[in-house]
C-alpha atoms as a PDB file:
ATOM      1  CA  MET A   1     -17.546  -0.841  15.282  1.00  0.00           C
ATOM      2  CA  LEU A   2     -15.864  -0.796  18.662  1.00  0.00           C
ATOM      3  CA  THR A   3     -15.647   2.264  20.849  1.00  0.00           C
ATOM      4  CA  SER A   4     -12.416   3.044  22.689  1.00  0.00           C
ATOM      5  CA  GLY A   5     -13.930   1.699  25.915  1.00  0.00           C
ATOM      6  CA  LYS A   6     -14.949  -1.590  24.307  1.00  0.00           C
ATOM      7  CA  THR A   7     -11.525  -1.911  22.675  1.00  0.00           C
ATOM      8  CA  LEU A   8      -9.782  -1.384  26.015  1.00  0.00           C
ATOM      9  CA  GLY A   9     -12.118  -3.924  27.596  1.00  0.00           C
ATOM     10  CA  TRP A  10     -11.264  -6.434  24.855  1.00  0.00           C
ATOM     11  CA  PHE A  11      -7.525  -5.833  25.394  1.00  0.00           C
ATOM     12  CA  LYS A  12      -7.763  -6.176  29.173  1.00  0.00           C
ATOM     13  CA  ALA A  13      -9.629  -9.483  28.742  1.00  0.00           C
ATOM     14  CA  ILE A  14      -6.797 -11.102  26.748  1.00  0.00           C
ATOM     15  CA  ASP A  15      -5.519 -13.963  28.883  1.00  0.00           C
ATOM     16  CA  ASN A  16      -1.791 -14.619  29.159  1.00  0.00           C
ATOM     17  CA  LYS A  17      -0.665 -11.503  27.269  1.00  0.00           C
ATOM     18  CA  PRO A  18       3.041 -12.545  27.195  1.00  0.00           C
ATOM     19  CA  ASN A  19       2.058 -15.427  24.889  1.00  0.00           C
ATOM     20  CA  HIS A  20       0.521 -13.068  22.321  1.00  0.00           C
ATOM     21  CA  ILE A  21       1.900 -10.664  19.763  1.00  0.00           C
ATOM     22  CA  PHE A  22       0.293  -8.043  17.557  1.00  0.00           C
ATOM     23  CA  LEU A  23       0.912  -8.076  13.830  1.00  0.00           C
ATOM     24  CA  SER A  24      -0.024  -4.913  11.979  1.00  0.00           C
ATOM     25  CA  PHE A  25      -0.486  -4.744   8.239  1.00  0.00           C
ATOM     26  CA  ASP A  26      -1.331  -2.217   5.573  1.00  0.00           C
ATOM     27  CA  ILE A  27      -3.170  -2.810   2.326  1.00  0.00           C
ATOM     28  CA  VAL A  28      -1.150  -0.764  -0.145  1.00  0.00           C
ATOM     29  CA  GLU A  29      -3.207   1.077  -2.768  1.00  0.00           C
ATOM     30  CA  PHE A  30      -6.414  -0.525  -1.497  1.00  0.00           C
ATOM     31  CA  TYR A  31      -8.876   1.205  -3.829  1.00  0.00           C
ATOM     32  CA  PRO A  32      -6.941   0.729  -7.092  1.00  0.00           C
ATOM     33  CA  SER A  33      -6.020  -2.844  -6.115  1.00  0.00           C
ATOM     34  CA  ILE A  34      -9.643  -3.975  -6.212  1.00  0.00           C
ATOM     35  CA  SER A  35     -10.090  -5.722  -9.534  1.00  0.00           C
ATOM     36  CA  GLU A  36     -13.319  -6.752 -11.193  1.00  0.00           C
ATOM     37  CA  GLU A  37     -12.375 -10.387 -10.544  1.00  0.00           C
ATOM     38  CA  LEU A  38     -11.878  -9.695  -6.829  1.00  0.00           C
ATOM     39  CA  LEU A  39     -15.181  -7.815  -6.609  1.00  0.00           C
ATOM     40  CA  ASP A  40     -16.931 -10.788  -8.240  1.00  0.00           C
ATOM     41  CA  ARG A  41     -15.437 -13.121  -5.599  1.00  0.00           C
ATOM     42  CA  VAL A  42     -16.438 -10.715  -2.829  1.00  0.00           C
ATOM     43  CA  ILE A  43     -20.013 -10.449  -4.101  1.00  0.00           C
ATOM     44  CA  SER A  44     -20.231 -14.232  -4.359  1.00  0.00           C
ATOM     45  CA  TRP A  45     -19.024 -14.508  -0.743  1.00  0.00           C
ATOM     46  CA  ALA A  46     -21.412 -11.765   0.404  1.00  0.00           C
ATOM     47  CA  LYS A  47     -24.333 -13.621  -1.186  1.00  0.00           C
ATOM     48  CA  SER A  48     -23.527 -16.552   1.122  1.00  0.00           C
ATOM     49  CA  VAL A  49     -23.921 -14.230   4.125  1.00  0.00           C
ATOM     50  CA  THR A  50     -26.877 -12.074   3.085  1.00  0.00           C
ATOM     51  CA  THR A  51     -29.371 -11.583   0.282  1.00  0.00           C
ATOM     52  CA  ILE A  52     -28.173  -9.507  -2.658  1.00  0.00           C
ATOM     53  CA  SER A  53     -30.465  -9.269  -5.654  1.00  0.00           C
ATOM     54  CA  ASP A  54     -29.224  -9.518  -9.230  1.00  0.00           C
ATOM     55  CA  GLU A  55     -30.467  -5.956  -9.730  1.00  0.00           C
ATOM     56  CA  HIS A  56     -28.265  -4.701  -6.859  1.00  0.00           C
ATOM     57  CA  ILE A  57     -25.260  -6.538  -8.298  1.00  0.00           C
ATOM     58  CA  LYS A  58     -25.951  -4.964 -11.683  1.00  0.00           C
ATOM     59  CA  VAL A  59     -26.069  -1.491 -10.096  1.00  0.00           C
ATOM     60  CA  ILE A  60     -22.882  -2.109  -8.062  1.00  0.00           C
ATOM     61  CA  LYS A  61     -20.987  -3.262 -11.158  1.00  0.00           C
ATOM     62  CA  HIS A  62     -22.367  -0.458 -13.334  1.00  0.00           C
ATOM     63  CA  ALA A  63     -21.281   2.126 -10.738  1.00  0.00           C
ATOM     64  CA  ARG A  64     -17.716   0.840 -11.136  1.00  0.00           C
ATOM     65  CA  LYS A  65     -17.562   2.322 -14.632  1.00  0.00           C
ATOM     66  CA  SER A  66     -15.420   5.393 -14.297  1.00  0.00           C
ATOM     67  CA  LEU A  67     -14.883   8.072 -16.921  1.00  0.00           C
ATOM     68  CA  LEU A  68     -12.421  10.937 -16.750  1.00  0.00           C
ATOM     69  CA  PHE A  69     -12.184  13.755 -19.261  1.00  0.00           C
ATOM     70  CA  ASN A  70      -9.662  16.601 -19.483  1.00  0.00           C
ATOM     71  CA  ASN A  71      -9.310  19.131 -22.328  1.00  0.00           C
ATOM     72  CA  ASN A  72     -11.740  17.158 -24.487  1.00  0.00           C
ATOM     73  CA  LYS A  73      -9.602  14.016 -24.106  1.00  0.00           C
ATOM     74  CA  THR A  74     -10.666  10.769 -22.477  1.00  0.00           C
ATOM     75  CA  TRP A  75      -8.275   9.383 -19.887  1.00  0.00           C
ATOM     76  CA  VAL A  76      -8.129   5.640 -19.258  1.00  0.00           C
ATOM     77  CA  LYS A  77      -6.169   3.461 -16.863  1.00  0.00           C
ATOM     78  CA  ARG A  78      -3.104   1.899 -18.471  1.00  0.00           C
ATOM     79  CA  GLU A  79      -3.725  -1.658 -17.289  1.00  0.00           C
ATOM     80  CA  ASN A  80      -7.507  -1.589 -17.580  1.00  0.00           C
ATOM     81  CA  GLU A  81      -9.209  -1.960 -20.933  1.00  0.00           C
ATOM     82  CA  SER A  82     -12.640  -1.887 -19.319  1.00  0.00           C
ATOM     83  CA  LEU A  83     -14.033   1.084 -17.439  1.00  0.00           C
ATOM     84  CA  PHE A  84     -13.916  -0.787 -14.104  1.00  0.00           C
ATOM     85  CA  ASP A  85     -12.553   1.240 -11.186  1.00  0.00           C
ATOM     86  CA  VAL A  86     -13.155   1.704  -7.485  1.00  0.00           C
ATOM     87  CA  THR A  87     -12.547   5.413  -7.211  1.00  0.00           C
ATOM     88  CA  MET A  88     -11.616   7.253  -4.057  1.00  0.00           C
ATOM     89  CA  GLY A  89     -14.158   9.892  -3.230  1.00  0.00           C
ATOM     90  CA  SER A  90     -16.956   8.248  -5.190  1.00  0.00           C
ATOM     91  CA  TYR A  91     -20.324   7.863  -3.525  1.00  0.00           C
ATOM     92  CA  ASP A  92     -19.893   4.165  -2.880  1.00  0.00           C
ATOM     93  CA  GLY A  93     -16.132   3.569  -3.194  1.00  0.00           C
ATOM     94  CA  ALA A  94     -15.702   3.370   0.579  1.00  0.00           C
ATOM     95  CA  GLU A  95     -18.574   0.890   0.840  1.00  0.00           C
ATOM     96  CA  ILE A  96     -16.945  -1.342  -1.773  1.00  0.00           C
ATOM     97  CA  CYS A  97     -13.691  -1.213   0.211  1.00  0.00           C
ATOM     98  CA  GLU A  98     -15.579  -2.090   3.398  1.00  0.00           C
ATOM     99  CA  LEU A  99     -17.168  -5.076   1.680  1.00  0.00           C
ATOM    100  CA  VAL A 100     -13.792  -6.237   0.338  1.00  0.00           C
ATOM    101  CA  GLY A 101     -12.338  -5.694   3.821  1.00  0.00           C
ATOM    102  CA  LEU A 102     -15.024  -7.922   5.370  1.00  0.00           C
ATOM    103  CA  TYR A 103     -14.219 -10.608   2.826  1.00  0.00           C
ATOM    104  CA  ILE A 104     -10.498 -10.377   3.594  1.00  0.00           C
ATOM    105  CA  LEU A 105     -11.194 -10.529   7.339  1.00  0.00           C
ATOM    106  CA  SER A 106     -13.330 -13.642   6.889  1.00  0.00           C
ATOM    107  CA  GLN A 107     -10.554 -15.311   4.899  1.00  0.00           C
ATOM    108  CA  LEU A 108      -7.816 -14.270   7.326  1.00  0.00           C
ATOM    109  CA  LYS A 109      -9.803 -15.599  10.277  1.00  0.00           C
ATOM    110  CA  VAL A 110      -9.792 -19.026   8.603  1.00  0.00           C
ATOM    111  CA  LYS A 111      -6.162 -18.893   7.429  1.00  0.00           C
ATOM    112  CA  LEU A 112      -4.962 -17.736  10.847  1.00  0.00           C
ATOM    113  CA  HIS A 113      -6.950 -20.407  12.678  1.00  0.00           C
ATOM    114  CA  GLY A 114      -9.421 -18.106  14.405  1.00  0.00           C
ATOM    115  CA  ALA A 115      -6.990 -15.369  15.416  1.00  0.00           C
ATOM    116  CA  ASP A 116      -8.528 -12.001  16.304  1.00  0.00           C
ATOM    117  CA  VAL A 117      -8.294  -9.878  13.166  1.00  0.00           C
ATOM    118  CA  GLY A 118      -9.417  -6.285  12.698  1.00  0.00           C
ATOM    119  CA  LEU A 119      -9.371  -3.821   9.845  1.00  0.00           C
ATOM    120  CA  TYR A 120      -9.898  -0.070   9.750  1.00  0.00           C
ATOM    121  CA  ARG A 121      -9.926   1.148   6.161  1.00  0.00           C
ATOM    122  CA  ASP A 122      -6.579  -0.146   4.842  1.00  0.00           C
ATOM    123  CA  ASP A 123      -4.880  -0.782   8.199  1.00  0.00           C
ATOM    124  CA  GLY A 124      -5.142  -4.141   9.891  1.00  0.00           C
ATOM    125  CA  LEU A 125      -4.223  -5.653  13.227  1.00  0.00           C
ATOM    126  CA  VAL A 126      -3.956  -9.327  14.162  1.00  0.00           C
ATOM    127  CA  LEU A 127      -3.610 -10.755  17.656  1.00  0.00           C
ATOM    128  CA  LEU A 128      -1.591 -13.961  17.387  1.00  0.00           C
ATOM    129  CA  ILE A 129      -0.650 -16.545  19.943  1.00  0.00           C
ATOM    130  CA  VAL A 130       3.149 -16.848  19.839  1.00  0.00           C
ATOM    131  CA  LEU A 131       2.884 -20.512  18.794  1.00  0.00           C
ATOM    132  CA  MET A 132       1.075 -19.374  15.618  1.00  0.00           C
ATOM    133  CA  VAL A 133       4.109 -17.354  14.505  1.00  0.00           C
ATOM    134  CA  GLU A 134       6.330 -20.347  13.821  1.00  0.00           C
ATOM    135  CA  GLN A 135       5.952 -19.805  10.075  1.00  0.00           C
ATOM    136  CA  PRO A 136       5.780 -16.008   9.626  1.00  0.00           C
ATOM    137  CA  ILE A 137       6.828 -16.122   5.968  1.00  0.00           C
ATOM    138  CA  LYS A 138       3.829 -18.312   5.147  1.00  0.00           C
ATOM    139  CA  HIS A 139       1.482 -15.507   6.200  1.00  0.00           C
ATOM    140  CA  ALA A 140       3.566 -12.563   4.947  1.00  0.00           C
ATOM    141  CA  LYS A 141       2.166 -12.699   1.413  1.00  0.00           C
ATOM    142  CA  ILE A 142      -1.362 -13.697   2.335  1.00  0.00           C
ATOM    143  CA  TYR A 143      -2.920 -11.013   0.130  1.00  0.00           C
ATOM    144  CA  THR A 144      -1.468 -12.351  -3.095  1.00  0.00           C
ATOM    145  CA  ASN A 145      -4.556 -14.569  -3.297  1.00  0.00           C
ATOM    146  CA  TYR A 146      -6.683 -11.419  -3.484  1.00  0.00           C
ATOM    147  CA  SER A 147      -4.579  -9.462  -5.991  1.00  0.00           C
ATOM    148  CA  ILE A 148      -3.993  -6.867  -3.298  1.00  0.00           C
ATOM    149  CA  LYS A 149      -0.568  -5.491  -2.412  1.00  0.00           C
END
């Protein structure tokens, strides 16, 4: 996590600022967009970076089971036959989003050829060299690979 001072230092150190642009992006409906398939990909990626035991994975996946009751009726998501959900306000929902965010950042860094990419919750910022923006449409729908809007 960068402090304001470190962020300003990073910005001041950018060489040839006129040849750079900032691209901001927003992950729409971040929490509900995280599918079980995406979480499986993220966990697989995370295992290549650090050690995650099978027991931890089991606990993470079990904690995704969400139940909601109102007036003695069970509520379920329309598009979700399983109980999988990353709920806002849950004890570890933010941590799951952070892990998914790290995965997305790692993928964007590769797709954008090493561009500086940052993410704070569901808001992102990319520093691009102007020459990299020749095909903006190619990068506009980059999240479709992650089932995120």
